[in-house]
Amino acid sequence: MSTAVVLGLYLFLLILVGWAVSRVRSVEDFLIAGRGNPGFVMAAGIIIGWVDATWFVFYSTMGYQLGWACAWLVVGNVAGFGLLALWAPKIRELSQKHNMHTLTDWFHHFFGMPSAILCGTIVTIMFISWVAVIFVSAGLFGEMLFGVPRVEGTLAVGLVALPLLLKGGYGSLTRFDVVQFLTVATLLVATFTFYLAPTTPHLTFGPAASFASTGWLGGLSLAIIGFSANFAAADVWQRMYAVRSARHIRQGMGLAILMYIPALASSVVIGTTALAAGFAGNANEVFPYFYTSFLTPTGQLLVALMLLAAVASSINVTIFGAAMSLTKDFSSRNLTPHQLQHRVRLFTLLIIAVSCATALITQNIMGLGLSLLSVCSCLVPALLANLAGLKPHRSAVFASLLAGLAAFLMLLAGNAMTAENSSLPLGVSLATLIPSHLLTLRSKKAARTARRKRR
């Protein structure tokens, strides 16, 4: 049976599963799974949301270019998960009390509408970058597997969003994630255990000296964006809102850490092993090189199924998250349930179109991947201060987000998005938040003093 037939049958199975879990019980179920998911569902969703076509291409490329320096990302990622677990009771209580569904809802409640609009803009950029890099990666796989030209393959990837349009919102998507997670995990372990080609060199992470390949500043920058990618990721917050209790959030974060580290290592080792084997082509071609050179025919079929499962799950959740954010953050907040679901589906089509266009304009996987990590960092200073109980002033938060977003856009415009400076938006945001907050406090104190004198 050919690879194309197997993949076609699997895609048909995805659609059937989509129908099977499509029941919508309420608006809460449509938006955040009725706030009833257990910790394992959250953990599986976080991992399968990250482990997609983008994951394998992006991190194998990073492994090829940076080697052990990728460990800096792990340090940041684990720290992000850890802090969210620490503040899980507060996040769970406030999100339920104030009926929050998105990360922007949190900013709207604590910092007002202007900051919420900027947060919504940052979240939208993150999601579009994420979906675009999935399209680019999947188009690359279409060319690798079937010889389909990359442009046509990128456009065809939109078909995997069919299960999303047939399913019933976030509740069904998170249940669907568990099926996809188990599929990807089983196929990944089986491939690395049984189906590497006899000629495959010994899997290696390369020389330990590569840990300093980016320099300490570059390593710190990678740790910061790794931290931001989890701590301030809109999809991670949405998954926390959907969990039934703070205890389940902490369990989910712990499981996510345990699953995340081996998943990242399995991708990075592809790049480092390709480098050790003498691969000297385009960095974006590292994973195709691994696929054609290091796998048996059965291993290639398993990897093809794994990629389809990963792409189908991550792209659906990512597109839904983007569409829901646009609907909730930039539309009337008094929509009926029917209007809400209809608007989400319209924005779904818009996100697919914009992301496809972005993917066709640029094929720079590294740049797109760093962009989605970097833009999240604009939100980190305000979130950290808020969760720590420091109560930054609304105007200071607005100035902080605006400055961070401006720094991010300057990096994009100057084609300067690299591992070394990808954390610049966080630095600018933090450097703006502190003096803006102090200046606001000083102004308010001066105003109170003036009022007392007038009395």
Protein backbone atom coordinates (compact mmCIF):
# COMPACT_ATOMS: atom_id res chain seq x y z
CA MET A 1 0.00 0.00 0.00
CA SER A 2 1.48 3.36 -1.02
CA THR A 3 2.24 6.17 1.40
CA ALA A 4 -0.34 8.39 -0.34
CA VAL A 5 -3.13 5.81 0.18
CA VAL A 6 -2.24 5.32 3.86
CA LEU A 7 -2.19 9.07 4.46
CA GLY A 8 -5.51 9.46 2.63
CA LEU A 9 -7.13 6.79 4.80
CA TYR A 10 -5.74 8.40 7.93
CA LEU A 11 -7.06 11.83 6.93
CA PHE A 12 -10.49 10.23 6.39
CA LEU A 13 -10.21 8.70 9.88
CA LEU A 14 -9.45 12.16 11.30
CA ILE A 15 -12.65 13.50 9.79
CA LEU A 16 -14.65 10.60 11.28
CA VAL A 17 -13.10 11.25 14.70
CA GLY A 18 -13.96 14.93 14.22
CA TRP A 19 -17.61 14.04 13.74
CA ALA A 20 -17.52 11.66 16.71
CA VAL A 21 -16.38 14.34 19.18
CA SER A 22 -18.27 17.27 17.67
CA ARG A 23 -21.04 17.67 20.25
CA VAL A 24 -21.23 21.20 21.69
CA ARG A 25 -22.86 21.31 25.11
CA SER A 26 -22.58 25.06 25.81
CA VAL A 27 -20.74 28.26 24.90
CA GLU A 28 -18.18 27.40 27.60
CA ASP A 29 -17.68 24.00 25.95
CA PHE A 30 -17.21 25.67 22.56
CA LEU A 31 -14.70 28.24 23.87
CA ILE A 32 -12.77 26.44 26.65
CA ALA A 33 -14.11 22.87 26.89
CA GLY A 34 -16.51 23.73 29.71
CA ARG A 35 -13.57 24.26 32.13
CA GLY A 36 -13.62 20.51 32.74
CA ASN A 37 -10.45 19.03 31.23
CA PRO A 38 -8.16 16.89 33.40
CA GLY A 39 -4.44 17.63 33.68
CA PHE A 40 -3.40 14.92 31.21
CA VAL A 41 -5.58 16.42 28.47
CA MET A 42 -3.93 19.81 29.05
CA ALA A 43 -0.43 18.29 28.95
CA ALA A 44 -1.17 16.24 25.82
CA GLY A 45 -2.64 19.32 24.16
CA ILE A 46 0.37 21.51 24.99
CA ILE A 47 2.79 18.93 23.62
CA ILE A 48 0.84 18.04 20.48
CA GLY A 49 0.27 21.77 19.93
CA TRP A 50 4.05 22.32 19.83
CA VAL A 51 5.14 18.99 18.31
CA ASP A 52 4.03 19.47 14.73
CA ALA A 53 5.65 19.80 11.33
CA THR A 54 7.07 23.11 12.53
CA TRP A 55 8.63 21.43 15.54
CA PHE A 56 10.55 18.83 13.55
CA VAL A 57 11.74 21.24 10.87
CA PHE A 58 12.44 24.20 13.18
CA TYR A 59 14.24 22.32 15.95
CA SER A 60 16.15 20.00 13.64
CA THR A 61 17.30 23.15 11.84
CA MET A 62 18.26 24.73 15.18
CA GLY A 63 20.11 21.57 16.20
CA TYR A 64 22.02 21.65 12.93
CA GLN A 65 22.97 25.32 13.33
CA LEU A 66 23.36 25.66 17.11
CA GLY A 67 23.98 22.18 18.55
CA TRP A 68 23.93 22.01 22.35
CA ALA A 69 22.96 25.68 22.55
CA CYS A 70 19.35 24.52 22.04
CA ALA A 71 19.50 23.45 25.71
CA TRP A 72 19.05 27.12 26.58
CA LEU A 73 15.53 26.87 25.15
CA VAL A 74 14.78 23.92 27.44
CA VAL A 75 15.87 25.92 30.49
CA GLY A 76 13.52 28.74 29.53
CA ASN A 77 10.63 26.43 28.63
CA VAL A 78 10.81 24.54 31.93
CA ALA A 79 10.99 27.81 33.89
CA GLY A 80 7.87 29.04 32.06
CA PHE A 81 5.93 25.88 32.89
CA GLY A 82 7.15 26.03 36.49
CA LEU A 83 5.99 29.60 37.15
CA LEU A 84 2.59 28.93 35.61
CA ALA A 85 2.23 25.90 37.89
CA LEU A 86 3.22 28.08 40.87
CA TRP A 87 0.52 30.63 40.10
CA ALA A 88 -2.07 28.07 38.96
CA PRO A 89 -4.51 28.71 41.87
CA LYS A 90 -4.60 32.44 41.18
CA ILE A 91 -4.99 31.99 37.42
CA ARG A 92 -7.73 29.39 37.82
CA GLU A 93 -9.71 31.36 40.42
CA LEU A 94 -9.61 34.71 38.59
CA SER A 95 -10.30 33.27 35.14
CA GLN A 96 -13.42 31.50 36.42
CA LYS A 97 -14.58 34.41 38.59
CA HIS A 98 -14.32 36.94 35.76
CA ASN A 99 -15.39 34.60 32.94
CA MET A 100 -12.10 34.81 31.01
CA HIS A 101 -11.63 32.79 27.83
CA THR A 102 -8.47 34.26 26.27
CA LEU A 103 -5.20 35.79 27.42
CA THR A 104 -6.50 39.13 26.14
CA ASP A 105 -9.44 38.84 28.57
CA TRP A 106 -6.86 38.82 31.39
CA PHE A 107 -5.23 42.01 30.06
CA HIS A 108 -8.64 43.62 29.55
CA HIS A 109 -9.68 42.94 33.14
CA PHE A 110 -6.47 44.12 34.81
CA PHE A 111 -5.10 46.75 32.43
CA GLY A 112 -8.04 48.12 30.43
CA MET A 113 -9.13 48.14 26.81
CA PRO A 114 -6.09 49.91 25.21
CA SER A 115 -3.69 47.28 26.61
CA ALA A 116 -6.13 44.52 25.67
CA ILE A 117 -6.12 45.71 22.05
CA LEU A 118 -2.32 45.61 21.96
CA CYS A 119 -2.34 42.18 23.59
CA GLY A 120 -4.85 40.95 21.01
CA THR A 121 -2.63 42.31 18.24
CA ILE A 122 0.42 40.52 19.66
CA VAL A 123 -1.53 37.27 20.04
CA THR A 124 -2.78 37.51 16.46
CA ILE A 125 0.77 38.01 15.14
CA MET A 126 1.90 35.00 17.17
CA PHE A 127 -0.84 32.76 15.81
CA ILE A 128 -0.39 33.86 12.19
CA SER A 129 3.37 33.27 12.42
CA TRP A 130 2.70 29.85 13.93
CA VAL A 131 0.18 28.79 11.29
CA ALA A 132 2.38 30.16 8.50
CA VAL A 133 5.41 28.18 9.62
CA ILE A 134 3.24 25.03 9.82
CA PHE A 135 2.15 25.67 6.22
CA VAL A 136 5.75 26.18 5.08
CA SER A 137 6.91 23.04 6.89
CA ALA A 138 4.03 20.93 5.62
CA GLY A 139 4.61 22.20 2.08
CA LEU A 140 8.22 21.08 2.46
CA PHE A 141 7.02 17.62 3.49
CA GLY A 142 4.62 17.46 0.53
CA GLU A 143 7.54 18.08 -1.77
CA MET A 144 9.64 15.53 0.10
CA LEU A 145 7.00 12.77 0.16
CA PHE A 146 5.15 13.17 -3.12
CA GLY A 147 7.17 15.55 -5.26
CA VAL A 148 4.38 18.17 -5.07
CA PRO A 149 5.75 21.67 -5.80
CA ARG A 150 6.09 23.56 -2.54
CA VAL A 151 3.62 26.33 -3.47
CA GLU A 152 0.86 23.87 -4.36
CA GLY A 153 1.68 21.79 -1.30
CA THR A 154 1.46 24.82 0.98
CA LEU A 155 -1.98 25.67 -0.42
CA ALA A 156 -3.15 22.06 -0.06
CA VAL A 157 -2.29 22.00 3.64
CA GLY A 158 -5.42 24.04 4.30
CA LEU A 159 -7.36 20.81 3.74
CA VAL A 160 -6.25 19.47 7.12
CA ALA A 161 -8.37 22.23 8.67
CA LEU A 162 -11.47 20.32 7.50
CA PRO A 163 -11.77 18.40 10.78
CA LEU A 164 -11.79 21.77 12.60
CA LEU A 165 -14.69 23.09 10.51
CA LEU A 166 -16.59 19.85 11.14
CA LYS A 167 -15.98 19.75 14.88
CA GLY A 168 -17.62 21.53 17.74
CA GLY A 169 -15.11 24.03 19.05
CA TYR A 170 -12.47 23.82 21.74
CA GLY A 171 -14.06 21.03 23.74
CA SER A 172 -13.91 18.64 20.80
CA LEU A 173 -10.45 19.84 19.79
CA THR A 174 -8.92 19.05 23.16
CA ARG A 175 -10.46 15.58 23.12
CA PHE A 176 -9.18 15.17 19.57
CA ASP A 177 -5.70 16.22 20.77
CA VAL A 178 -5.42 13.18 23.03
CA VAL A 179 -5.93 10.80 20.08
CA GLN A 180 -3.32 12.66 18.05
CA PHE A 181 -0.85 12.83 20.95
CA LEU A 182 -1.00 9.06 21.52
CA THR A 183 -0.58 8.50 17.77
CA VAL A 184 2.46 10.79 17.47
CA ALA A 185 4.13 9.47 20.65
CA THR A 186 3.72 5.83 19.59
CA LEU A 187 5.00 6.41 16.06
CA LEU A 188 7.94 8.55 17.24
CA VAL A 189 9.14 5.93 19.74
CA ALA A 190 8.68 3.11 17.23
CA THR A 191 10.62 4.97 14.52
CA PHE A 192 13.66 5.75 16.66
CA THR A 193 13.63 2.29 18.26
CA PHE A 194 13.05 -0.05 15.33
CA TYR A 195 13.13 1.68 11.96
CA LEU A 196 16.39 3.60 11.59
CA ALA A 197 18.31 2.46 8.51
CA PRO A 198 21.38 0.22 9.07
CA THR A 199 23.56 2.93 7.54
CA THR A 200 22.37 5.55 10.03
CA PRO A 201 25.31 7.00 11.98
CA HIS A 202 25.30 6.91 15.75
CA LEU A 203 22.79 9.49 17.02
CA THR A 204 24.72 12.30 18.65
CA PHE A 205 24.18 15.77 20.06
CA GLY A 206 27.61 16.82 18.83
CA PRO A 207 30.46 18.33 20.81
CA ALA A 208 29.58 19.86 24.17
CA ALA A 209 31.49 22.97 23.13
CA SER A 210 28.55 23.89 20.89
CA PHE A 211 26.68 24.84 24.08
CA ALA A 212 28.45 28.20 23.80
CA SER A 213 28.01 28.47 20.03
CA THR A 214 25.68 31.46 20.38
CA GLY A 215 27.74 33.11 23.13
CA TRP A 216 26.32 33.77 26.59
CA LEU A 217 24.21 36.65 25.34
CA GLY A 218 22.72 34.49 22.60
CA GLY A 219 22.13 31.66 25.07
CA LEU A 220 20.37 33.99 27.48
CA SER A 221 18.26 35.29 24.60
CA LEU A 222 17.23 31.73 23.69
CA ALA A 223 16.33 31.01 27.34
CA ILE A 224 14.21 34.18 27.47
CA ILE A 225 12.22 33.42 24.34
CA GLY A 226 11.86 29.80 25.48
CA PHE A 227 10.43 31.08 28.76
CA SER A 228 8.16 33.54 26.96
CA ALA A 229 6.91 30.90 24.51
CA ASN A 230 5.31 28.98 27.41
CA PHE A 231 4.69 31.60 30.07
CA ALA A 232 2.99 34.14 27.77
CA ALA A 233 1.63 31.86 25.03
CA ALA A 234 -2.07 32.50 24.43
CA ASP A 235 -2.78 28.84 23.67
CA VAL A 236 -1.20 27.69 26.96
CA TRP A 237 -3.34 30.15 28.94
CA GLN A 238 -6.44 28.99 27.10
CA ARG A 239 -5.61 25.40 28.01
CA MET A 240 -5.22 26.41 31.67
CA TYR A 241 -8.64 28.10 31.63
CA ALA A 242 -10.11 24.85 30.31
CA VAL A 243 -8.77 22.67 33.18
CA ARG A 244 -11.10 21.69 36.01
CA SER A 245 -8.91 22.78 38.97
CA ALA A 246 -5.58 24.32 40.01
CA ARG A 247 -4.38 20.87 41.07
CA HIS A 248 -4.98 19.57 37.56
CA ILE A 249 -3.12 22.56 36.10
CA ARG A 250 -0.08 21.68 38.20
CA GLN A 251 -0.32 18.01 37.25
CA GLY A 252 -0.60 19.00 33.60
CA MET A 253 2.43 21.29 33.77
CA GLY A 254 4.50 18.56 35.40
CA LEU A 255 3.49 16.04 32.75
CA ALA A 256 4.16 18.59 30.00
CA ILE A 257 7.73 19.09 31.26
CA LEU A 258 8.32 15.32 31.40
CA MET A 259 7.05 14.90 27.83
CA TYR A 260 8.53 18.10 26.42
CA ILE A 261 12.21 17.39 27.11
CA PRO A 262 12.44 14.04 25.22
CA ALA A 263 10.28 15.43 22.41
CA LEU A 264 12.66 18.38 21.95
CA ALA A 265 15.72 16.13 22.20
CA SER A 266 14.35 13.83 19.47
CA SER A 267 14.12 16.79 17.08
CA VAL A 268 17.42 18.45 17.96
CA VAL A 269 19.35 15.17 17.60
CA ILE A 270 18.19 14.96 13.98
CA GLY A 271 20.03 18.19 13.19
CA THR A 272 23.15 17.40 15.20
CA THR A 273 23.40 13.90 13.71
CA ALA A 274 22.97 15.29 10.19
CA LEU A 275 25.82 17.71 10.87
CA ALA A 276 28.03 14.87 12.17
CA ALA A 277 27.16 12.82 9.06
CA GLY A 278 28.50 15.58 6.81
CA PHE A 279 25.28 17.16 5.54
CA ALA A 280 26.15 20.53 4.03
CA GLY A 281 22.95 21.63 2.27
CA ASN A 282 20.31 24.23 3.06
CA ALA A 283 19.52 24.22 6.80
CA ASN A 284 15.79 23.98 6.04
CA GLU A 285 16.49 20.64 4.31
CA VAL A 286 17.90 18.88 7.40
CA PHE A 287 14.72 16.98 8.21
CA PRO A 288 14.14 15.82 4.61
CA TYR A 289 17.76 14.63 4.60
CA PHE A 290 17.09 12.64 7.78
CA TYR A 291 13.89 11.23 6.27
CA THR A 292 15.50 10.01 3.05
CA SER A 293 18.90 8.96 4.43
CA PHE A 294 18.34 7.61 7.94
CA LEU A 295 14.99 5.75 7.79
CA THR A 296 13.89 2.39 6.41
CA PRO A 297 10.84 2.37 4.08
CA THR A 298 8.63 1.36 7.02
CA GLY A 299 10.17 4.13 9.11
CA GLN A 300 9.40 6.63 6.35
CA LEU A 301 5.75 5.53 6.31
CA LEU A 302 5.50 5.85 10.11
CA VAL A 303 7.08 9.32 10.03
CA ALA A 304 4.66 10.39 7.29
CA LEU A 305 1.71 9.28 9.44
CA MET A 306 3.25 10.98 12.48
CA LEU A 307 3.63 14.26 10.60
CA LEU A 308 0.05 14.14 9.33
CA ALA A 309 -1.25 13.50 12.86
CA ALA A 310 0.89 16.30 14.29
CA VAL A 311 -0.02 18.79 11.57
CA ALA A 312 -3.75 17.98 11.72
CA SER A 313 -3.91 18.51 15.48
CA SER A 314 -1.63 21.51 15.87
CA ILE A 315 -2.94 23.42 12.89
CA ASN A 316 -6.55 22.95 13.98
CA VAL A 317 -5.92 24.10 17.55
CA THR A 318 -3.73 26.98 16.37
CA ILE A 319 -6.24 28.21 13.79
CA PHE A 320 -9.09 27.87 16.28
CA GLY A 321 -7.10 29.77 18.91
CA ALA A 322 -6.39 32.56 16.43
CA ALA A 323 -10.01 32.70 15.24
CA MET A 324 -11.37 32.70 18.79
CA SER A 325 -8.95 35.45 19.83
CA LEU A 326 -10.01 37.62 16.91
CA THR A 327 -13.68 36.95 17.65
CA LYS A 328 -13.43 37.65 21.37
CA ASP A 329 -10.82 40.40 21.28
CA PHE A 330 -11.93 42.49 18.31
CA SER A 331 -15.68 41.86 18.12
CA SER A 332 -18.67 42.81 20.22
CA ARG A 333 -18.65 41.04 23.58
CA ASN A 334 -22.44 40.57 23.45
CA LEU A 335 -22.61 37.94 20.73
CA THR A 336 -25.18 35.17 21.01
CA PRO A 337 -23.86 31.59 21.07
CA HIS A 338 -24.89 31.08 17.45
CA GLN A 339 -23.27 34.35 16.35
CA LEU A 340 -20.11 33.48 18.27
CA GLN A 341 -19.71 30.10 16.58
CA HIS A 342 -20.49 31.56 13.15
CA ARG A 343 -17.96 34.39 13.67
CA VAL A 344 -15.25 31.94 14.82
CA ARG A 345 -15.70 29.89 11.64
CA LEU A 346 -15.50 33.01 9.45
CA PHE A 347 -12.29 34.09 11.16
CA THR A 348 -11.00 30.53 10.71
CA LEU A 349 -11.19 30.94 6.94
CA LEU A 350 -9.56 34.39 7.20
CA ILE A 351 -6.65 33.03 9.28
CA ILE A 352 -6.09 30.21 6.79
CA ALA A 353 -5.99 32.69 3.90
CA VAL A 354 -3.63 35.16 5.63
CA SER A 355 -1.32 32.42 6.88
CA CYS A 356 -1.16 30.79 3.45
CA ALA A 357 -0.25 34.14 1.92
CA THR A 358 2.45 34.69 4.56
CA ALA A 359 3.83 31.20 3.94
CA LEU A 360 4.00 31.85 0.20
CA ILE A 361 5.74 35.20 0.66
CA THR A 362 8.48 33.84 2.92
CA GLN A 363 9.93 30.34 3.21
CA ASN A 364 12.24 31.31 6.10
CA ILE A 365 11.29 28.72 8.73
CA MET A 366 13.88 29.90 11.23
CA GLY A 367 12.74 33.52 10.93
CA LEU A 368 9.05 32.67 11.30
CA GLY A 369 9.72 30.36 14.24
CA LEU A 370 11.80 32.94 16.09
CA SER A 371 9.14 35.56 15.34
CA LEU A 372 6.36 33.64 17.07
CA LEU A 373 8.64 33.06 20.08
CA SER A 374 9.88 36.65 20.14
CA VAL A 375 6.52 38.39 19.93
CA CYS A 376 5.26 36.52 23.02
CA SER A 377 8.05 38.10 25.05
CA CYS A 378 6.38 41.55 24.79
CA LEU A 379 3.73 40.32 27.25
CA VAL A 380 6.06 38.81 29.84
CA PRO A 381 6.99 41.87 32.03
CA ALA A 382 3.36 42.91 32.56
CA LEU A 383 2.23 39.34 33.28
CA LEU A 384 5.07 38.70 35.72
CA ALA A 385 4.38 41.93 37.59
CA ASN A 386 0.65 41.25 37.67
CA LEU A 387 0.90 37.66 38.93
CA ALA A 388 3.50 38.69 41.52
CA GLY A 389 0.99 41.18 42.94
CA LEU A 390 2.97 44.32 42.00
CA LYS A 391 -0.04 45.99 40.31
CA PRO A 392 1.64 47.92 37.47
CA HIS A 393 -0.33 50.97 36.37
CA ARG A 394 -2.50 50.61 33.27
CA SER A 395 -0.75 53.38 31.36
CA ALA A 396 2.64 51.84 32.13
CA VAL A 397 1.49 48.45 30.82
CA PHE A 398 0.17 50.06 27.66
CA ALA A 399 3.49 51.88 27.09
CA SER A 400 5.38 48.65 27.78
CA LEU A 401 3.38 46.61 25.25
CA LEU A 402 3.61 49.36 22.65
CA ALA A 403 7.39 49.66 23.02
CA GLY A 404 7.91 45.88 22.91
CA LEU A 405 5.72 45.52 19.82
CA ALA A 406 7.59 48.39 18.14
CA ALA A 407 10.93 46.68 18.85
CA PHE A 408 9.59 43.42 17.42
CA LEU A 409 8.37 45.12 14.24
CA MET A 410 11.73 46.88 13.84
CA LEU A 411 13.51 43.51 13.99
CA LEU A 412 11.18 42.16 11.31
CA ALA A 413 11.52 45.23 9.10
CA GLY A 414 15.30 45.13 9.37
CA ASN A 415 15.41 41.37 8.68
CA ALA A 416 17.32 41.08 11.97
CA MET A 417 15.36 38.32 13.73
CA THR A 418 18.15 36.05 14.97
CA ALA A 419 18.64 33.84 18.04
CA GLU A 420 20.94 36.46 19.56
CA ASN A 421 18.50 39.39 19.47
CA SER A 422 15.08 37.68 19.45
CA SER A 423 14.56 38.60 23.12
CA LEU A 424 15.02 42.34 22.44
CA PRO A 425 11.25 43.04 22.60
CA LEU A 426 11.18 41.74 26.19
CA GLY A 427 14.12 43.93 27.17
CA VAL A 428 12.51 47.00 25.62
CA SER A 429 9.15 46.17 27.19
CA LEU A 430 10.70 45.76 30.65
CA ALA A 431 12.83 48.90 30.28
CA THR A 432 9.65 50.83 29.45
CA LEU A 433 7.40 49.31 32.11
CA ILE A 434 9.53 50.17 35.16
CA PRO A 435 10.16 53.89 34.53
CA SER A 436 6.62 54.39 33.16
CA HIS A 437 5.15 52.88 36.32
CA LEU A 438 7.41 55.00 38.58
CA LEU A 439 6.60 58.14 36.59
CA THR A 440 2.88 57.44 36.87
CA LEU A 441 3.15 56.92 40.63
CA ARG A 442 5.10 60.16 40.94
CA SER A 443 2.50 62.06 38.92
CA LYS A 444 -0.36 60.67 41.01
CA LYS A 445 1.50 61.55 44.21
CA ALA A 446 2.08 65.10 42.93
CA ALA A 447 -1.61 65.40 42.05
CA ARG A 448 -2.67 64.26 45.53
CA THR A 449 -0.26 66.76 47.11
CA ALA A 450 -1.69 69.55 44.96
CA ARG A 451 -5.24 68.66 45.96
CA ARG A 452 -4.35 68.72 49.64
CA LYS A 453 -2.75 72.15 49.27
CA ARG A 454 -5.86 73.52 47.57
CA ARG A 455 -7.95 72.35 50.52
